[in-house]
């Protein structure tokens, strides 16, 4: 079904969308992730958004959303957090962080979710294109730590795979895919600086992950 026939719209995220967005993220991970992640891995990912949490965890999740709102101002002409809605129902959500690393002209696509009932209808692509357009003035390249769920989607939208890696979430090791897309072609020196800086970041992240794996192996033995 086409975007026009579905009749959905993209608008800036509002704070009152928080609960609906959390539920959307959980449902998307549980259903769409079933073919690529184990149940334990899925629940570890879901734990970042689940509303069925004890008070301390709920406070942590709310702080994450508040942090995103702080670094991605709401209700602007070019918002960094957007939702797709069909009538009164939120069916998609995405956020991006501008200037997220050492390279001043980069952005990190933090999250992109589409409700499982509405996949392959142009919603994810429209969310992605909206954020890309909104950061074009400030960013030359966008990077993603993509889940295995979204890898083929991002490839179809012009992102290339840089490296496969893994990270721990809630004590569970989960594979991801580092991907990137240049919105404007880089010069040779820009590409060298970018590749060098990002390799350094990935090396640090790899060391942190493997160190955690080592300590977990020691204490769980």
C-alpha atoms as a PDB file:
ATOM      1  CA  UNK A   1       0.000   0.000   0.000  1.00  0.00           C
ATOM      2  CA  UNK A   2       1.371   3.417  -0.873  1.00  0.00           C
ATOM      3  CA  UNK A   3       1.970   6.241   1.593  1.00  0.00           C
ATOM      4  CA  UNK A   4      -0.821   8.275  -0.052  1.00  0.00           C
ATOM      5  CA  UNK A   5      -3.352   5.448   0.230  1.00  0.00           C
ATOM      6  CA  UNK A   6      -2.407   4.810   3.844  1.00  0.00           C
ATOM      7  CA  UNK A   7      -2.844   8.489   4.601  1.00  0.00           C
ATOM      8  CA  UNK A   8      -0.279   8.804   7.395  1.00  0.00           C
ATOM      9  CA  UNK A   9       1.459  12.048   8.342  1.00  0.00           C
ATOM     10  CA  UNK A  10       4.806  13.004   9.876  1.00  0.00           C
ATOM     11  CA  UNK A  11       4.923  15.520  12.721  1.00  0.00           C
ATOM     12  CA  UNK A  12       7.306  16.552  15.521  1.00  0.00           C
ATOM     13  CA  UNK A  13       7.385  14.329  18.602  1.00  0.00           C
ATOM     14  CA  UNK A  14       5.557  15.662  21.652  1.00  0.00           C
ATOM     15  CA  UNK A  15       6.250  14.773  25.273  1.00  0.00           C
ATOM     16  CA  UNK A  16       2.787  13.316  25.649  1.00  0.00           C
ATOM     17  CA  UNK A  17       3.709  10.785  22.932  1.00  0.00           C
ATOM     18  CA  UNK A  18       6.155   9.083  25.299  1.00  0.00           C
ATOM     19  CA  UNK A  19       4.030   6.119  26.430  1.00  0.00           C
ATOM     20  CA  UNK A  20       2.732   5.385  22.930  1.00  0.00           C
ATOM     21  CA  UNK A  21       6.266   5.520  21.538  1.00  0.00           C
ATOM     22  CA  UNK A  22       7.593   3.143  24.218  1.00  0.00           C
ATOM     23  CA  UNK A  23       4.839   0.654  23.410  1.00  0.00           C
ATOM     24  CA  UNK A  24       5.550   0.991  19.689  1.00  0.00           C
ATOM     25  CA  UNK A  25       9.267   0.303  20.214  1.00  0.00           C
ATOM     26  CA  UNK A  26       8.565  -2.791  22.339  1.00  0.00           C
ATOM     27  CA  UNK A  27       6.068  -4.269  19.868  1.00  0.00           C
ATOM     28  CA  UNK A  28       8.345  -3.600  16.922  1.00  0.00           C
ATOM     29  CA  UNK A  29      11.345  -5.258  18.572  1.00  0.00           C
ATOM     30  CA  UNK A  30       9.408  -8.301  19.775  1.00  0.00           C
ATOM     31  CA  UNK A  31       7.623  -9.021  16.494  1.00  0.00           C
ATOM     32  CA  UNK A  32      10.082  -7.869  13.823  1.00  0.00           C
ATOM     33  CA  UNK A  33      13.103  -9.086  15.766  1.00  0.00           C
ATOM     34  CA  UNK A  34      11.854 -12.647  16.217  1.00  0.00           C
ATOM     35  CA  UNK A  35      13.596 -13.903  13.052  1.00  0.00           C
ATOM     36  CA  UNK A  36      17.030 -12.401  13.765  1.00  0.00           C
ATOM     37  CA  UNK A  37      17.462 -12.312  17.545  1.00  0.00           C
ATOM     38  CA  UNK A  38      16.943 -14.842  20.315  1.00  0.00           C
ATOM     39  CA  UNK A  39      14.111 -14.261  22.817  1.00  0.00           C
ATOM     40  CA  UNK A  40      16.699 -13.319  25.445  1.00  0.00           C
ATOM     41  CA  UNK A  41      18.318 -10.768  23.130  1.00  0.00           C
ATOM     42  CA  UNK A  42      14.951  -9.288  22.207  1.00  0.00           C
ATOM     43  CA  UNK A  43      13.926  -8.854  25.843  1.00  0.00           C
ATOM     44  CA  UNK A  44      17.266  -7.181  26.573  1.00  0.00           C
ATOM     45  CA  UNK A  45      16.602  -4.681  23.783  1.00  0.00           C
ATOM     46  CA  UNK A  46      13.006  -4.211  24.903  1.00  0.00           C
ATOM     47  CA  UNK A  47      14.158  -3.461  28.446  1.00  0.00           C
ATOM     48  CA  UNK A  48      15.202   0.011  27.265  1.00  0.00           C
ATOM     49  CA  UNK A  49      11.605   0.873  26.459  1.00  0.00           C
ATOM     50  CA  UNK A  50       9.375  -1.443  28.472  1.00  0.00           C
ATOM     51  CA  UNK A  51       6.676   0.200  30.576  1.00  0.00           C
ATOM     52  CA  UNK A  52       6.505  -2.913  32.762  1.00  0.00           C
ATOM     53  CA  UNK A  53       9.506  -1.903  34.862  1.00  0.00           C
ATOM     54  CA  UNK A  54      10.275  -1.220  38.473  1.00  0.00           C
ATOM     55  CA  UNK A  55      10.558   2.408  39.554  1.00  0.00           C
ATOM     56  CA  UNK A  56      14.315   2.694  39.056  1.00  0.00           C
ATOM     57  CA  UNK A  57      14.187   1.341  35.516  1.00  0.00           C
ATOM     58  CA  UNK A  58      11.217   3.532  34.610  1.00  0.00           C
ATOM     59  CA  UNK A  59      13.123   6.570  35.809  1.00  0.00           C
ATOM     60  CA  UNK A  60      16.092   5.540  33.659  1.00  0.00           C
ATOM     61  CA  UNK A  61      13.937   5.171  30.530  1.00  0.00           C
ATOM     62  CA  UNK A  62      12.272   8.527  31.151  1.00  0.00           C
ATOM     63  CA  UNK A  63      15.706  10.104  31.567  1.00  0.00           C
ATOM     64  CA  UNK A  64      16.775   8.683  28.186  1.00  0.00           C
ATOM     65  CA  UNK A  65      13.771  10.273  26.485  1.00  0.00           C
ATOM     66  CA  UNK A  66      14.367  13.528  28.348  1.00  0.00           C
ATOM     67  CA  UNK A  67      18.011  13.526  27.243  1.00  0.00           C
ATOM     68  CA  UNK A  68      17.012  13.047  23.596  1.00  0.00           C
ATOM     69  CA  UNK A  69      14.545  15.918  23.930  1.00  0.00           C
ATOM     70  CA  UNK A  70      17.286  18.132  25.388  1.00  0.00           C
ATOM     71  CA  UNK A  71      19.767  17.557  22.567  1.00  0.00           C
ATOM     72  CA  UNK A  72      17.076  17.424  19.896  1.00  0.00           C
ATOM     73  CA  UNK A  73      14.805  20.444  20.422  1.00  0.00           C
ATOM     74  CA  UNK A  74      11.091  19.841  19.946  1.00  0.00           C
ATOM     75  CA  UNK A  75       8.518  21.790  17.936  1.00  0.00           C
ATOM     76  CA  UNK A  76      10.950  23.379  15.498  1.00  0.00           C
ATOM     77  CA  UNK A  77      10.699  23.725  11.742  1.00  0.00           C
ATOM     78  CA  UNK A  78      13.260  20.936  11.406  1.00  0.00           C
ATOM     79  CA  UNK A  79      12.700  18.618  14.377  1.00  0.00           C
ATOM     80  CA  UNK A  80      15.195  15.919  15.316  1.00  0.00           C
ATOM     81  CA  UNK A  81      12.469  13.675  16.758  1.00  0.00           C
ATOM     82  CA  UNK A  82       9.451  12.804  14.637  1.00  0.00           C
ATOM     83  CA  UNK A  83       6.502  10.431  14.670  1.00  0.00           C
ATOM     84  CA  UNK A  84       4.299   9.008  11.955  1.00  0.00           C
ATOM     85  CA  UNK A  85       0.634   8.958  12.826  1.00  0.00           C
ATOM     86  CA  UNK A  86      -2.462   7.534  11.199  1.00  0.00           C
ATOM     87  CA  UNK A  87      -5.427   9.467  12.512  1.00  0.00           C
ATOM     88  CA  UNK A  88      -4.771   9.397  16.288  1.00  0.00           C
ATOM     89  CA  UNK A  89      -2.468   6.355  16.319  1.00  0.00           C
ATOM     90  CA  UNK A  90       1.315   6.621  16.338  1.00  0.00           C
ATOM     91  CA  UNK A  91       2.658   4.045  13.855  1.00  0.00           C
ATOM     92  CA  UNK A  92       6.269   5.176  13.514  1.00  0.00           C
ATOM     93  CA  UNK A  93       8.981   6.990  15.446  1.00  0.00           C
ATOM     94  CA  UNK A  94      12.524   8.188  14.718  1.00  0.00           C
ATOM     95  CA  UNK A  95      15.183  10.390  16.329  1.00  0.00           C
ATOM     96  CA  UNK A  96      18.565  11.718  15.291  1.00  0.00           C
ATOM     97  CA  UNK A  97      21.388  13.403  17.223  1.00  0.00           C
ATOM     98  CA  UNK A  98      23.355  16.115  15.426  1.00  0.00           C
ATOM     99  CA  UNK A  99      27.076  16.457  16.096  1.00  0.00           C
ATOM    100  CA  UNK A 100      27.154  13.210  18.015  1.00  0.00           C
ATOM    101  CA  UNK A 101      30.866  12.476  17.824  1.00  0.00           C
ATOM    102  CA  UNK A 102      34.323  13.858  17.210  1.00  0.00           C
ATOM    103  CA  UNK A 103      33.467  14.819  13.649  1.00  0.00           C
ATOM    104  CA  UNK A 104      31.542  18.100  13.856  1.00  0.00           C
ATOM    105  CA  UNK A 105      29.621  17.476  10.642  1.00  0.00           C
ATOM    106  CA  UNK A 106      28.066  14.148  11.592  1.00  0.00           C
ATOM    107  CA  UNK A 107      24.761  12.919  12.990  1.00  0.00           C
ATOM    108  CA  UNK A 108      23.753   9.691  14.688  1.00  0.00           C
ATOM    109  CA  UNK A 109      20.434   8.130  13.766  1.00  0.00           C
ATOM    110  CA  UNK A 110      19.492   7.040  17.267  1.00  0.00           C
ATOM    111  CA  UNK A 111      16.186   5.240  16.698  1.00  0.00           C
ATOM    112  CA  UNK A 112      13.736   4.332  13.965  1.00  0.00           C
ATOM    113  CA  UNK A 113      10.724   2.101  14.593  1.00  0.00           C
ATOM    114  CA  UNK A 114       7.621   1.242  12.582  1.00  0.00           C
ATOM    115  CA  UNK A 115       4.665  -0.632  14.006  1.00  0.00           C
ATOM    116  CA  UNK A 116       4.669  -4.255  12.748  1.00  0.00           C
ATOM    117  CA  UNK A 117       1.179  -3.839  11.262  1.00  0.00           C
ATOM    118  CA  UNK A 118       2.419  -1.052   8.976  1.00  0.00           C
ATOM    119  CA  UNK A 119       5.788  -2.221   7.645  1.00  0.00           C
ATOM    120  CA  UNK A 120       6.658  -1.992   3.925  1.00  0.00           C
ATOM    121  CA  UNK A 121       4.286   0.913   3.369  1.00  0.00           C
ATOM    122  CA  UNK A 122       6.806   3.717   3.089  1.00  0.00           C
ATOM    123  CA  UNK A 123       6.599   4.830   6.716  1.00  0.00           C
ATOM    124  CA  UNK A 124      10.184   4.039   7.684  1.00  0.00           C
ATOM    125  CA  UNK A 125      11.521   5.581   4.485  1.00  0.00           C
ATOM    126  CA  UNK A 126       9.484   8.759   5.025  1.00  0.00           C
ATOM    127  CA  UNK A 127      10.678   9.050   8.627  1.00  0.00           C
ATOM    128  CA  UNK A 128      14.279   8.562   7.522  1.00  0.00           C
ATOM    129  CA  UNK A 129      14.034  11.023   4.631  1.00  0.00           C
ATOM    130  CA  UNK A 130      12.439  13.610   6.928  1.00  0.00           C
ATOM    131  CA  UNK A 131      15.303  13.443   9.418  1.00  0.00           C
ATOM    132  CA  UNK A 132      17.926  13.422   6.662  1.00  0.00           C
ATOM    133  CA  UNK A 133      16.415  16.595   5.214  1.00  0.00           C
ATOM    134  CA  UNK A 134      16.186  18.194   8.656  1.00  0.00           C
ATOM    135  CA  UNK A 135      19.908  17.762   9.405  1.00  0.00           C
ATOM    136  CA  UNK A 136      21.309  18.468   5.929  1.00  0.00           C
ATOM    137  CA  UNK A 137      22.320  22.016   6.896  1.00  0.00           C
ATOM    138  CA  UNK A 138      24.341  20.747   9.874  1.00  0.00           C
ATOM    139  CA  UNK A 139      25.529  17.296   8.864  1.00  0.00           C
ATOM    140  CA  UNK A 140      27.479  15.827   6.006  1.00  0.00           C
ATOM    141  CA  UNK A 141      27.330  12.220   7.116  1.00  0.00           C
ATOM    142  CA  UNK A 142      24.872  10.117   9.123  1.00  0.00           C
ATOM    143  CA  UNK A 143      25.920   7.011  11.017  1.00  0.00           C
ATOM    144  CA  UNK A 144      23.829   4.234  12.520  1.00  0.00           C
ATOM    145  CA  UNK A 145      24.393   1.405  14.966  1.00  0.00           C
ATOM    146  CA  UNK A 146      21.707  -0.619  13.208  1.00  0.00           C
ATOM    147  CA  UNK A 147      20.015  -3.709  14.534  1.00  0.00           C
ATOM    148  CA  UNK A 148      19.949  -6.779  12.319  1.00  0.00           C
ATOM    149  CA  UNK A 149      16.238  -6.026  11.898  1.00  0.00           C
ATOM    150  CA  UNK A 150      16.916  -2.805  10.011  1.00  0.00           C
ATOM    151  CA  UNK A 151      20.079  -3.661   8.073  1.00  0.00           C
ATOM    152  CA  UNK A 152      18.407  -4.372   4.701  1.00  0.00           C
ATOM    153  CA  UNK A 153      16.115  -1.340   5.087  1.00  0.00           C
ATOM    154  CA  UNK A 154      19.050   1.022   5.554  1.00  0.00           C
ATOM    155  CA  UNK A 155      20.939  -0.542   2.667  1.00  0.00           C
ATOM    156  CA  UNK A 156      17.917   0.087   0.436  1.00  0.00           C
ATOM    157  CA  UNK A 157      18.042   3.728   1.516  1.00  0.00           C
ATOM    158  CA  UNK A 158      21.672   4.300   0.585  1.00  0.00           C
ATOM    159  CA  UNK A 159      23.533   3.349   3.771  1.00  0.00           C
ATOM    160  CA  UNK A 160      26.599   1.152   3.545  1.00  0.00           C
ATOM    161  CA  UNK A 161      27.761  -1.407   6.042  1.00  0.00           C
ATOM    162  CA  UNK A 162      31.020  -0.410   7.724  1.00  0.00           C
ATOM    163  CA  UNK A 163      31.506  -3.088  10.360  1.00  0.00           C
ATOM    164  CA  UNK A 164      29.659  -5.716  12.355  1.00  0.00           C
ATOM    165  CA  UNK A 165      30.010  -5.503  16.110  1.00  0.00           C
ATOM    166  CA  UNK A 166      28.268  -6.417  19.336  1.00  0.00           C
ATOM    167  CA  UNK A 167      27.363  -4.672  22.572  1.00  0.00           C
ATOM    168  CA  UNK A 168      25.914  -5.701  25.916  1.00  0.00           C
ATOM    169  CA  UNK A 169      22.376  -4.688  26.833  1.00  0.00           C
ATOM    170  CA  UNK A 170      21.077  -5.666  30.242  1.00  0.00           C
ATOM    171  CA  UNK A 171      23.847  -8.263  30.482  1.00  0.00           C
ATOM    172  CA  UNK A 172      23.099  -9.830  27.077  1.00  0.00           C
ATOM    173  CA  UNK A 173      25.445  -9.668  24.113  1.00  0.00           C
ATOM    174  CA  UNK A 174      23.676  -8.419  20.970  1.00  0.00           C
ATOM    175  CA  UNK A 175      25.021  -8.071  17.411  1.00  0.00           C
ATOM    176  CA  UNK A 176      24.680  -4.765  15.550  1.00  0.00           C
ATOM    177  CA  UNK A 177      25.813  -3.309  12.237  1.00  0.00           C
ATOM    178  CA  UNK A 178      27.707  -0.020  11.929  1.00  0.00           C
ATOM    179  CA  UNK A 179      26.412   1.809   8.838  1.00  0.00           C
ATOM    180  CA  UNK A 180      26.838   5.254   7.327  1.00  0.00           C
ATOM    181  CA  UNK A 181      25.625   7.523   4.540  1.00  0.00           C
ATOM    182  CA  UNK A 182      27.224  10.677   3.176  1.00  0.00           C
ATOM    183  CA  UNK A 183      24.597  13.306   2.416  1.00  0.00           C
ATOM    184  CA  UNK A 184      27.147  15.294   0.403  1.00  0.00           C
ATOM    185  CA  UNK A 185      30.300  13.784  -1.116  1.00  0.00           C
ATOM    186  CA  UNK A 186      33.357  14.245   1.129  1.00  0.00           C
ATOM    187  CA  UNK A 187      36.714  15.530   0.022  1.00  0.00           C
ATOM    188  CA  UNK A 188      39.624  13.108   0.226  1.00  0.00           C
ATOM    189  CA  UNK A 189      40.942  14.672   3.424  1.00  0.00           C
ATOM    190  CA  UNK A 190      37.466  14.714   5.001  1.00  0.00           C
ATOM    191  CA  UNK A 191      37.061  11.015   4.233  1.00  0.00           C
ATOM    192  CA  UNK A 192      40.477  10.192   5.733  1.00  0.00           C
ATOM    193  CA  UNK A 193      39.758  12.174   8.914  1.00  0.00           C
ATOM    194  CA  UNK A 194      36.317  10.593   9.239  1.00  0.00           C
ATOM    195  CA  UNK A 195      37.473   7.022   8.664  1.00  0.00           C
ATOM    196  CA  UNK A 196      40.367   7.430  11.105  1.00  0.00           C
ATOM    197  CA  UNK A 197      38.231   8.946  13.854  1.00  0.00           C
ATOM    198  CA  UNK A 198      35.467   6.365  13.479  1.00  0.00           C
ATOM    199  CA  UNK A 199      37.908   3.468  13.513  1.00  0.00           C
ATOM    200  CA  UNK A 200      39.269   4.841  16.769  1.00  0.00           C
ATOM    201  CA  UNK A 201      35.761   5.027  18.241  1.00  0.00           C
ATOM    202  CA  UNK A 202      34.989   1.474  17.126  1.00  0.00           C
ATOM    203  CA  UNK A 203      38.249   0.206  18.613  1.00  0.00           C
ATOM    204  CA  UNK A 204      37.363   1.744  21.975  1.00  0.00           C
ATOM    205  CA  UNK A 205      33.849   0.282  21.839  1.00  0.00           C
ATOM    206  CA  UNK A 206      35.242  -3.139  20.894  1.00  0.00           C
ATOM    207  CA  UNK A 207      37.680  -3.043  23.800  1.00  0.00           C
ATOM    208  CA  UNK A 208      34.905  -2.084  26.231  1.00  0.00           C
ATOM    209  CA  UNK A 209      32.663  -4.891  24.972  1.00  0.00           C
ATOM    210  CA  UNK A 210      35.365  -7.544  25.074  1.00  0.00           C
ATOM    211  CA  UNK A 211      36.481  -6.412  28.533  1.00  0.00           C
ATOM    212  CA  UNK A 212      32.906  -6.763  29.772  1.00  0.00           C
ATOM    213  CA  UNK A 213      32.664 -10.183  28.129  1.00  0.00           C
ATOM    214  CA  UNK A 214      35.866 -11.262  29.864  1.00  0.00           C
ATOM    215  CA  UNK A 215      34.682 -10.151  33.297  1.00  0.00           C
ATOM    216  CA  UNK A 216      31.289 -11.765  32.770  1.00  0.00           C
ATOM    217  CA  UNK A 217      33.015 -15.003  31.827  1.00  0.00           C
ATOM    218  CA  UNK A 218      35.134 -14.873  34.975  1.00  0.00           C
ATOM    219  CA  UNK A 219      32.283 -14.137  37.372  1.00  0.00           C
ATOM    220  CA  UNK A 220      29.769 -16.467  35.721  1.00  0.00           C
ATOM    221  CA  UNK A 221      32.170 -19.395  35.499  1.00  0.00           C
END
